[in-house]
């Protein structure tokens, strides 16, 4: 019986702990990610902008471009 109570308390504690953690992604703080984000935002607002060479070889630029295109807020651009 003591094992069941201990297991229940541990499970409850685990659920409470995971409920308090953030699920927001940590975005890269690199110049290429920032440039990709700006270019993606420009694309989202109607002016197609992409450095094709960087997009092919630089993962930060590519991820920034997709992030900017998806999450662009034109009022903050």
PDB file of N, CA and C in Angstrom:
ATOM      1  N   UNK A   1       0.826  -1.200   0.000  1.00  0.00           N
ATOM      2  CA  UNK A   1       0.000   0.000   0.000  1.00  0.00           C
ATOM      3  C   UNK A   1       0.865   1.257   0.000  1.00  0.00           C
ATOM      4  N   UNK A   2       1.972   1.209   0.755  1.00  0.00           N
ATOM      5  CA  UNK A   2       2.858   2.364   0.821  1.00  0.00           C
ATOM      6  C   UNK A   2       3.492   2.649  -0.548  1.00  0.00           C
ATOM      7  N   UNK A   3       3.797   1.580  -1.310  1.00  0.00           N
ATOM      8  CA  UNK A   3       4.377   1.751  -2.641  1.00  0.00           C
ATOM      9  C   UNK A   3       3.394   2.421  -3.596  1.00  0.00           C
ATOM     10  N   UNK A   4       2.131   2.084  -3.481  1.00  0.00           N
ATOM     11  CA  UNK A   4       1.113   2.674  -4.352  1.00  0.00           C
ATOM     12  C   UNK A   4       0.974   4.162  -4.064  1.00  0.00           C
ATOM     13  N   UNK A   5       0.965   4.528  -2.787  1.00  0.00           N
ATOM     14  CA  UNK A   5       0.843   5.941  -2.418  1.00  0.00           C
ATOM     15  C   UNK A   5       2.074   6.714  -2.896  1.00  0.00           C
ATOM     16  N   UNK A   6       3.254   6.138  -2.717  1.00  0.00           N
ATOM     17  CA  UNK A   6       4.483   6.793  -3.162  1.00  0.00           C
ATOM     18  C   UNK A   6       4.476   6.972  -4.675  1.00  0.00           C
ATOM     19  N   UNK A   7       4.076   5.959  -5.398  1.00  0.00           N
ATOM     20  CA  UNK A   7       4.004   6.047  -6.854  1.00  0.00           C
ATOM     21  C   UNK A   7       2.990   7.099  -7.288  1.00  0.00           C
ATOM     22  N   UNK A   8       1.868   7.162  -6.606  1.00  0.00           N
ATOM     23  CA  UNK A   8       0.846   8.158  -6.932  1.00  0.00           C
ATOM     24  C   UNK A   8       1.359   9.574  -6.691  1.00  0.00           C
ATOM     25  N   UNK A   9       2.049   9.775  -5.591  1.00  0.00           N
ATOM     26  CA  UNK A   9       2.592  11.098  -5.285  1.00  0.00           C
ATOM     27  C   UNK A   9       3.667  11.493  -6.305  1.00  0.00           C
ATOM     28  N   UNK A  10       4.495  10.541  -6.696  1.00  0.00           N
ATOM     29  CA  UNK A  10       5.527  10.840  -7.683  1.00  0.00           C
ATOM     30  C   UNK A  10       4.905  11.188  -9.035  1.00  0.00           C
ATOM     31  N   UNK A  11       3.882  10.467  -9.428  1.00  0.00           N
ATOM     32  CA  UNK A  11       3.205  10.735 -10.694  1.00  0.00           C
ATOM     33  C   UNK A  11       2.541  12.108 -10.664  1.00  0.00           C
ATOM     34  N   UNK A  12       1.871  12.426  -9.578  1.00  0.00           N
ATOM     35  CA  UNK A  12       1.230  13.731  -9.430  1.00  0.00           C
ATOM     36  C   UNK A  12       2.268  14.844  -9.485  1.00  0.00           C
ATOM     37  N   UNK A  13       3.379  14.647  -8.788  1.00  0.00           N
ATOM     38  CA  UNK A  13       4.451  15.638  -8.806  1.00  0.00           C
ATOM     39  C   UNK A  13       5.011  15.833 -10.201  1.00  0.00           C
ATOM     40  N   UNK A  14       5.150  14.764 -10.945  1.00  0.00           N
ATOM     41  CA  UNK A  14       5.651  14.851 -12.317  1.00  0.00           C
ATOM     42  C   UNK A  14       4.701  15.660 -13.191  1.00  0.00           C
ATOM     43  N   UNK A  15       3.418  15.424 -13.077  1.00  0.00           N
ATOM     44  CA  UNK A  15       2.435  16.186 -13.858  1.00  0.00           C
ATOM     45  C   UNK A  15       2.465  17.659 -13.485  1.00  0.00           C
ATOM     46  N   UNK A  16       2.569  17.962 -12.210  1.00  0.00           N
ATOM     47  CA  UNK A  16       2.629  19.359 -11.793  1.00  0.00           C
ATOM     48  C   UNK A  16       3.887  20.034 -12.306  1.00  0.00           C
ATOM     49  N   UNK A  17       5.009  19.336 -12.270  1.00  0.00           N
ATOM     50  CA  UNK A  17       6.264  19.901 -12.745  1.00  0.00           C
ATOM     51  C   UNK A  17       6.212  20.176 -14.243  1.00  0.00           C
ATOM     52  N   UNK A  18       5.694  19.254 -15.024  1.00  0.00           N
ATOM     53  CA  UNK A  18       5.648  19.453 -16.472  1.00  0.00           C
ATOM     54  C   UNK A  18       4.637  20.513 -16.859  1.00  0.00           C
ATOM     55  N   UNK A  19       3.631  20.744 -16.047  1.00  0.00           N
ATOM     56  CA  UNK A  19       2.642  21.773 -16.349  1.00  0.00           C
ATOM     57  C   UNK A  19       3.236  23.166 -16.199  1.00  0.00           C
ATOM     58  N   UNK A  20       4.288  23.309 -15.436  1.00  0.00           N
ATOM     59  CA  UNK A  20       4.876  24.614 -15.176  1.00  0.00           C
ATOM     60  C   UNK A  20       6.044  24.943 -16.100  1.00  0.00           C
ATOM     61  N   UNK A  21       6.414  24.043 -16.955  1.00  0.00           N
ATOM     62  CA  UNK A  21       7.536  24.305 -17.843  1.00  0.00           C
ATOM     63  C   UNK A  21       7.057  24.985 -19.112  1.00  0.00           C
ATOM     64  N   UNK A  22       7.944  25.727 -19.720  1.00  0.00           N
ATOM     65  CA  UNK A  22       7.618  26.439 -20.942  1.00  0.00           C
ATOM     66  C   UNK A  22       7.851  25.534 -22.143  1.00  0.00           C
ATOM     67  N   UNK A  23       6.982  25.641 -23.126  1.00  0.00           N
ATOM     68  CA  UNK A  23       7.166  24.872 -24.350  1.00  0.00           C
ATOM     69  C   UNK A  23       7.586  25.771 -25.510  1.00  0.00           C
ATOM     70  N   UNK A  24       7.880  27.036 -25.217  1.00  0.00           N
ATOM     71  CA  UNK A  24       8.294  27.956 -26.265  1.00  0.00           C
ATOM     72  C   UNK A  24       9.674  27.568 -26.785  1.00  0.00           C
ATOM     73  N   UNK A  25       9.832  27.543 -28.099  1.00  0.00           N
ATOM     74  CA  UNK A  25      11.133  27.162 -28.645  1.00  0.00           C
ATOM     75  C   UNK A  25      12.181  28.252 -28.394  1.00  0.00           C
ATOM     76  N   UNK A  26      13.414  27.836 -28.276  1.00  0.00           N
ATOM     77  CA  UNK A  26      14.523  28.775 -28.163  1.00  0.00           C
ATOM     78  C   UNK A  26      15.040  29.022 -29.575  1.00  0.00           C
ATOM     79  N   UNK A  27      14.931  30.248 -30.024  1.00  0.00           N
ATOM     80  CA  UNK A  27      15.327  30.587 -31.383  1.00  0.00           C
ATOM     81  C   UNK A  27      16.815  30.919 -31.438  1.00  0.00           C
ATOM     82  N   UNK A  28      17.485  30.528 -32.515  1.00  0.00           N
ATOM     83  CA  UNK A  28      18.903  30.866 -32.652  1.00  0.00           C
ATOM     84  C   UNK A  28      19.109  32.378 -32.681  1.00  0.00           C
ATOM     85  N   UNK A  29      20.234  32.818 -32.143  1.00  0.00           N
ATOM     86  CA  UNK A  29      20.552  34.245 -32.118  1.00  0.00           C
ATOM     87  C   UNK A  29      21.712  34.539 -33.070  1.00  0.00           C
ATOM     88  N   UNK A  30      21.687  33.885 -34.222  1.00  0.00           N
ATOM     89  CA  UNK A  30      22.774  34.061 -35.185  1.00  0.00           C
ATOM     90  C   UNK A  30      22.376  35.094 -36.234  1.00  0.00           C
ATOM     91  N   UNK A  31      23.354  35.756 -36.814  1.00  0.00           N
ATOM     92  CA  UNK A  31      23.045  36.726 -37.880  1.00  0.00           C
ATOM     93  C   UNK A  31      22.295  36.095 -39.049  1.00  0.00           C
ATOM     94  N   UNK A  32      22.647  34.851 -39.401  1.00  0.00           N
ATOM     95  CA  UNK A  32      21.982  34.232 -40.556  1.00  0.00           C
ATOM     96  C   UNK A  32      20.519  33.901 -40.242  1.00  0.00           C
ATOM     97  N   UNK A  33      20.211  33.497 -39.012  1.00  0.00           N
ATOM     98  CA  UNK A  33      18.814  33.249 -38.644  1.00  0.00           C
ATOM     99  C   UNK A  33      18.024  34.559 -38.709  1.00  0.00           C
ATOM    100  N   UNK A  34      18.604  35.618 -38.167  1.00  0.00           N
ATOM    101  CA  UNK A  34      17.922  36.921 -38.168  1.00  0.00           C
ATOM    102  C   UNK A  34      17.673  37.415 -39.589  1.00  0.00           C
ATOM    103  N   UNK A  35      18.667  37.236 -40.472  1.00  0.00           N
ATOM    104  CA  UNK A  35      18.505  37.646 -41.874  1.00  0.00           C
ATOM    105  C   UNK A  35      17.426  36.802 -42.554  1.00  0.00           C
ATOM    106  N   UNK A  36      17.441  35.500 -42.300  1.00  0.00           N
ATOM    107  CA  UNK A  36      16.414  34.632 -42.864  1.00  0.00           C
ATOM    108  C   UNK A  36      15.025  35.009 -42.372  1.00  0.00           C
ATOM    109  N   UNK A  37      14.941  35.347 -41.090  1.00  0.00           N
ATOM    110  CA  UNK A  37      13.655  35.753 -40.508  1.00  0.00           C
ATOM    111  C   UNK A  37      13.134  37.026 -41.174  1.00  0.00           C
ATOM    112  N   UNK A  38      14.016  37.992 -41.381  1.00  0.00           N
ATOM    113  CA  UNK A  38      13.608  39.234 -42.062  1.00  0.00           C
ATOM    114  C   UNK A  38      13.170  38.964 -43.497  1.00  0.00           C
ATOM    115  N   UNK A  39      13.935  38.137 -44.206  1.00  0.00           N
ATOM    116  CA  UNK A  39      13.576  37.808 -45.587  1.00  0.00           C
ATOM    117  C   UNK A  39      12.258  37.032 -45.648  1.00  0.00           C
ATOM    118  N   UNK A  40      12.055  36.117 -44.729  1.00  0.00           N
ATOM    119  CA  UNK A  40      10.800  35.367 -44.670  1.00  0.00           C
ATOM    120  C   UNK A  40       9.617  36.268 -44.376  1.00  0.00           C
ATOM    121  N   UNK A  41       9.843  37.235 -43.500  1.00  0.00           N
ATOM    122  CA  UNK A  41       8.772  38.185 -43.174  1.00  0.00           C
ATOM    123  C   UNK A  41       8.428  39.045 -44.390  1.00  0.00           C
ATOM    124  N   UNK A  42       9.458  39.475 -45.106  1.00  0.00           N
ATOM    125  CA  UNK A  42       9.205  40.250 -46.338  1.00  0.00           C
ATOM    126  C   UNK A  42       8.392  39.429 -47.322  1.00  0.00           C
ATOM    127  N   UNK A  43       8.721  38.151 -47.420  1.00  0.00           N
ATOM    128  CA  UNK A  43       7.982  37.266 -48.313  1.00  0.00           C
ATOM    129  C   UNK A  43       6.528  37.137 -47.862  1.00  0.00           C
ATOM    130  N   UNK A  44       6.318  37.007 -46.562  1.00  0.00           N
ATOM    131  CA  UNK A  44       4.956  36.856 -46.032  1.00  0.00           C
ATOM    132  C   UNK A  44       4.103  38.090 -46.277  1.00  0.00           C
ATOM    133  N   UNK A  45       4.745  39.239 -46.353  1.00  0.00           N
ATOM    134  CA  UNK A  45       3.982  40.470 -46.550  1.00  0.00           C
ATOM    135  C   UNK A  45       3.888  40.878 -48.018  1.00  0.00           C
ATOM    136  N   UNK A  46       4.324  39.988 -48.927  1.00  0.00           N
ATOM    137  CA  UNK A  46       4.084  40.225 -50.336  1.00  0.00           C
ATOM    138  C   UNK A  46       5.294  40.528 -51.184  1.00  0.00           C
ATOM    139  N   UNK A  47       6.474  40.705 -50.608  1.00  0.00           N
ATOM    140  CA  UNK A  47       7.671  40.983 -51.395  1.00  0.00           C
ATOM    141  C   UNK A  47       8.611  39.787 -51.280  1.00  0.00           C
ATOM    142  N   UNK A  48       8.552  38.887 -52.263  1.00  0.00           N
ATOM    143  CA  UNK A  48       9.339  37.657 -52.200  1.00  0.00           C
ATOM    144  C   UNK A  48      10.821  37.992 -52.078  1.00  0.00           C
ATOM    145  N   UNK A  49      11.407  37.559 -50.953  1.00  0.00           N
ATOM    146  CA  UNK A  49      12.812  37.828 -50.676  1.00  0.00           C
ATOM    147  C   UNK A  49      13.444  36.562 -50.127  1.00  0.00           C
ATOM    148  N   UNK A  50      14.498  36.076 -50.800  1.00  0.00           N
ATOM    149  CA  UNK A  50      15.211  34.897 -50.303  1.00  0.00           C
ATOM    150  C   UNK A  50      16.595  34.849 -50.924  1.00  0.00           C
ATOM    151  N   UNK A  51      17.604  34.627 -50.086  1.00  0.00           N
ATOM    152  CA  UNK A  51      18.966  34.383 -50.554  1.00  0.00           C
ATOM    153  C   UNK A  51      19.049  32.893 -50.865  1.00  0.00           C
ATOM    154  N   UNK A  52      18.898  32.537 -52.116  1.00  0.00           N
ATOM    155  CA  UNK A  52      18.822  31.129 -52.515  1.00  0.00           C
ATOM    156  C   UNK A  52      20.065  30.339 -52.136  1.00  0.00           C
ATOM    157  N   UNK A  53      21.249  30.960 -52.257  1.00  0.00           N
ATOM    158  CA  UNK A  53      22.485  30.261 -51.896  1.00  0.00           C
ATOM    159  C   UNK A  53      22.521  29.954 -50.402  1.00  0.00           C
ATOM    160  N   UNK A  54      22.200  30.945 -49.579  1.00  0.00           N
ATOM    161  CA  UNK A  54      22.180  30.732 -48.123  1.00  0.00           C
ATOM    162  C   UNK A  54      21.101  29.728 -47.744  1.00  0.00           C
ATOM    163  N   UNK A  55      19.970  29.791 -48.414  1.00  0.00           N
ATOM    164  CA  UNK A  55      18.860  28.882 -48.132  1.00  0.00           C
ATOM    165  C   UNK A  55      19.274  27.431 -48.350  1.00  0.00           C
ATOM    166  N   UNK A  56      20.117  27.196 -49.361  1.00  0.00           N
ATOM    167  CA  UNK A  56      20.553  25.832 -49.687  1.00  0.00           C
ATOM    168  C   UNK A  56      21.563  25.271 -48.690  1.00  0.00           C
ATOM    169  N   UNK A  57      22.438  26.124 -48.150  1.00  0.00           N
ATOM    170  CA  UNK A  57      23.562  25.602 -47.353  1.00  0.00           C
ATOM    171  C   UNK A  57      23.550  26.004 -45.875  1.00  0.00           C
ATOM    172  N   UNK A  58      22.761  26.990 -45.494  1.00  0.00           N
ATOM    173  CA  UNK A  58      22.785  27.501 -44.122  1.00  0.00           C
ATOM    174  C   UNK A  58      21.469  27.176 -43.406  1.00  0.00           C
ATOM    175  N   UNK A  59      21.529  26.216 -42.498  1.00  0.00           N
ATOM    176  CA  UNK A  59      20.314  25.775 -41.794  1.00  0.00           C
ATOM    177  C   UNK A  59      19.695  26.899 -40.976  1.00  0.00           C
ATOM    178  N   UNK A  60      20.516  27.758 -40.362  1.00  0.00           N
ATOM    179  CA  UNK A  60      19.961  28.870 -39.582  1.00  0.00           C
ATOM    180  C   UNK A  60      19.192  29.840 -40.477  1.00  0.00           C
ATOM    181  N   UNK A  61      19.752  30.162 -41.640  1.00  0.00           N
ATOM    182  CA  UNK A  61      19.048  31.044 -42.571  1.00  0.00           C
ATOM    183  C   UNK A  61      17.730  30.408 -43.013  1.00  0.00           C
ATOM    184  N   UNK A  62      17.800  29.152 -43.396  1.00  0.00           N
ATOM    185  CA  UNK A  62      16.610  28.449 -43.879  1.00  0.00           C
ATOM    186  C   UNK A  62      15.533  28.392 -42.794  1.00  0.00           C
ATOM    187  N   UNK A  63      15.908  28.028 -41.574  1.00  0.00           N
ATOM    188  CA  UNK A  63      14.939  27.971 -40.477  1.00  0.00           C
ATOM    189  C   UNK A  63      14.396  29.358 -40.148  1.00  0.00           C
ATOM    190  N   UNK A  64      15.260  30.366 -40.199  1.00  0.00           N
ATOM    191  CA  UNK A  64      14.805  31.740 -39.971  1.00  0.00           C
ATOM    192  C   UNK A  64      13.829  32.196 -41.032  1.00  0.00           C
ATOM    193  N   UNK A  65      14.096  31.818 -42.284  1.00  0.00           N
ATOM    194  CA  UNK A  65      13.210  32.205 -43.381  1.00  0.00           C
ATOM    195  C   UNK A  65      11.819  31.605 -43.178  1.00  0.00           C
ATOM    196  N   UNK A  66      11.773  30.297 -42.855  1.00  0.00           N
ATOM    197  CA  UNK A  66      10.469  29.666 -42.615  1.00  0.00           C
ATOM    198  C   UNK A  66       9.785  30.263 -41.384  1.00  0.00           C
ATOM    199  N   UNK A  67      10.567  30.520 -40.342  1.00  0.00           N
ATOM    200  CA  UNK A  67       9.994  31.112 -39.126  1.00  0.00           C
ATOM    201  C   UNK A  67       9.419  32.496 -39.424  1.00  0.00           C
ATOM    202  N   UNK A  68      10.185  33.313 -40.138  1.00  0.00           N
ATOM    203  CA  UNK A  68       9.714  34.657 -40.478  1.00  0.00           C
ATOM    204  C   UNK A  68       8.477  34.637 -41.363  1.00  0.00           C
ATOM    205  N   UNK A  69       8.456  33.735 -42.318  1.00  0.00           N
ATOM    206  CA  UNK A  69       7.303  33.633 -43.219  1.00  0.00           C
ATOM    207  C   UNK A  69       6.053  33.210 -42.466  1.00  0.00           C
ATOM    208  N   UNK A  70       6.220  32.294 -41.516  1.00  0.00           N
ATOM    209  CA  UNK A  70       5.064  31.771 -40.784  1.00  0.00           C
ATOM    210  C   UNK A  70       4.590  32.719 -39.681  1.00  0.00           C
ATOM    211  N   UNK A  71       5.515  33.386 -39.017  1.00  0.00           N
ATOM    212  CA  UNK A  71       5.171  34.152 -37.820  1.00  0.00           C
ATOM    213  C   UNK A  71       5.250  35.667 -37.990  1.00  0.00           C
ATOM    214  N   UNK A  72       5.340  36.134 -39.209  1.00  0.00           N
ATOM    215  CA  UNK A  72       5.499  37.567 -39.428  1.00  0.00           C
ATOM    216  C   UNK A  72       4.250  38.329 -39.017  1.00  0.00           C
ATOM    217  N   UNK A  73       4.491  39.411 -38.299  1.00  0.00           N
ATOM    218  CA  UNK A  73       3.419  40.335 -37.951  1.00  0.00           C
ATOM    219  C   UNK A  73       3.720  41.626 -38.691  1.00  0.00           C
ATOM    220  N   UNK A  74       2.980  41.909 -39.750  1.00  0.00           N
ATOM    221  CA  UNK A  74       3.296  43.082 -40.573  1.00  0.00           C
ATOM    222  C   UNK A  74       3.363  44.401 -39.800  1.00  0.00           C
ATOM    223  N   UNK A  75       2.636  44.513 -38.719  1.00  0.00           N
ATOM    224  CA  UNK A  75       2.662  45.761 -37.965  1.00  0.00           C
ATOM    225  C   UNK A  75       3.980  45.939 -37.214  1.00  0.00           C
ATOM    226  N   UNK A  76       4.743  44.843 -37.028  1.00  0.00           N
ATOM    227  CA  UNK A  76       6.021  44.923 -36.340  1.00  0.00           C
ATOM    228  C   UNK A  76       7.197  44.862 -37.318  1.00  0.00           C
ATOM    229  N   UNK A  77       6.905  44.689 -38.584  1.00  0.00           N
ATOM    230  CA  UNK A  77       7.990  44.548 -39.575  1.00  0.00           C
ATOM    231  C   UNK A  77       8.670  45.871 -39.837  1.00  0.00           C
TER     232      UNK A  77
END
